[in-house]
Amino acid sequence: MNDETLAWIAATVKESPRVHGIESDHWTNARLRIVLHRRLGVEYSRRYVWEIATRAGVADLLTKLRS
């Protein structure tokens, strides 16, 4: 994953999920997975999405709820 994509992820998670078509006010790993799939066309595992969010510096913004 390149720096440009990580920057996009960081900016995305700092916005409301509603901006990206998710009917919720909070980000979760599952919701970020949906948006990543829409944007990149790749389905990542929960574990890898957590690693990506950590690398992007936004893992603390993901709630522990599963959806």
Protein backbone atom coordinates (compact mmCIF):
# COMPACT_ATOMS: atom_id res chain seq x y z
CA MET A 1 0.00 0.00 0.00
CA ASN A 2 1.56 3.28 -1.08
CA ASP A 3 1.73 6.56 0.85
CA GLU A 4 -0.92 8.20 -1.32
CA THR A 5 -3.44 5.48 -0.49
CA LEU A 6 -2.58 5.62 3.21
CA ALA A 7 -3.11 9.40 3.15
CA TRP A 8 -6.49 8.88 1.46
CA ILE A 9 -7.45 6.35 4.15
CA ALA A 10 -6.44 8.74 6.93
CA ALA A 11 -8.49 11.56 5.38
CA THR A 12 -11.44 9.23 4.79
CA VAL A 13 -11.61 7.98 8.38
CA LYS A 14 -11.48 11.56 9.65
CA GLU A 15 -14.69 12.24 7.70
CA SER A 16 -18.12 10.90 8.53
CA PRO A 17 -18.81 7.45 7.10
CA ARG A 18 -21.98 8.99 5.65
CA VAL A 19 -19.81 10.91 3.17
CA HIS A 20 -18.90 7.51 1.74
CA GLY A 21 -22.41 6.06 1.65
CA ILE A 22 -22.30 4.29 5.02
CA GLU A 23 -25.41 4.86 7.15
CA SER A 24 -23.57 5.40 10.42
CA ASP A 25 -21.78 8.12 12.34
CA HIS A 26 -18.89 5.91 13.44
CA TRP A 27 -16.17 4.01 11.62
CA THR A 28 -15.57 0.34 12.31
CA ASN A 29 -13.16 -2.07 10.72
CA ALA A 30 -16.02 -3.60 8.72
CA ARG A 31 -17.18 -0.22 7.43
CA LEU A 32 -13.67 0.73 6.39
CA ARG A 33 -13.38 -2.63 4.60
CA ILE A 34 -16.51 -1.78 2.59
CA VAL A 35 -15.13 1.61 1.55
CA LEU A 36 -11.73 0.13 0.68
CA HIS A 37 -13.42 -2.51 -1.46
CA ARG A 38 -15.45 0.15 -3.27
CA ARG A 39 -12.40 2.35 -3.86
CA LEU A 40 -9.69 -0.23 -4.53
CA GLY A 41 -11.69 -3.24 -5.69
CA VAL A 42 -9.93 -5.50 -3.21
CA GLU A 43 -11.37 -7.35 -0.22
CA TYR A 44 -8.98 -7.16 2.72
CA SER A 45 -9.18 -9.23 5.92
CA ARG A 46 -10.15 -7.60 9.22
CA ARG A 47 -6.60 -8.10 10.46
CA TYR A 48 -5.04 -6.41 7.42
CA VAL A 49 -7.50 -3.49 7.57
CA TRP A 50 -6.44 -2.98 11.19
CA GLU A 51 -2.78 -2.94 10.06
CA ILE A 52 -3.62 -0.45 7.31
CA ALA A 53 -5.50 1.81 9.73
CA THR A 54 -2.56 1.62 12.13
CA ARG A 55 -0.09 2.55 9.38
CA ALA A 56 -2.38 5.42 8.34
CA GLY A 57 -2.46 6.62 11.96
CA VAL A 58 -6.23 6.27 12.37
CA ALA A 59 -6.72 2.90 14.09
CA ASP A 60 -7.78 4.72 17.25
CA LEU A 61 -10.73 6.20 15.31
CA LEU A 62 -12.23 2.78 14.55
CA THR A 63 -14.80 1.65 17.10
CA LYS A 64 -14.79 -1.90 18.38
CA LEU A 65 -18.36 -2.53 17.19
CA ARG A 66 -18.76 -5.06 14.42
CA SER A 67 -21.13 -4.34 11.59
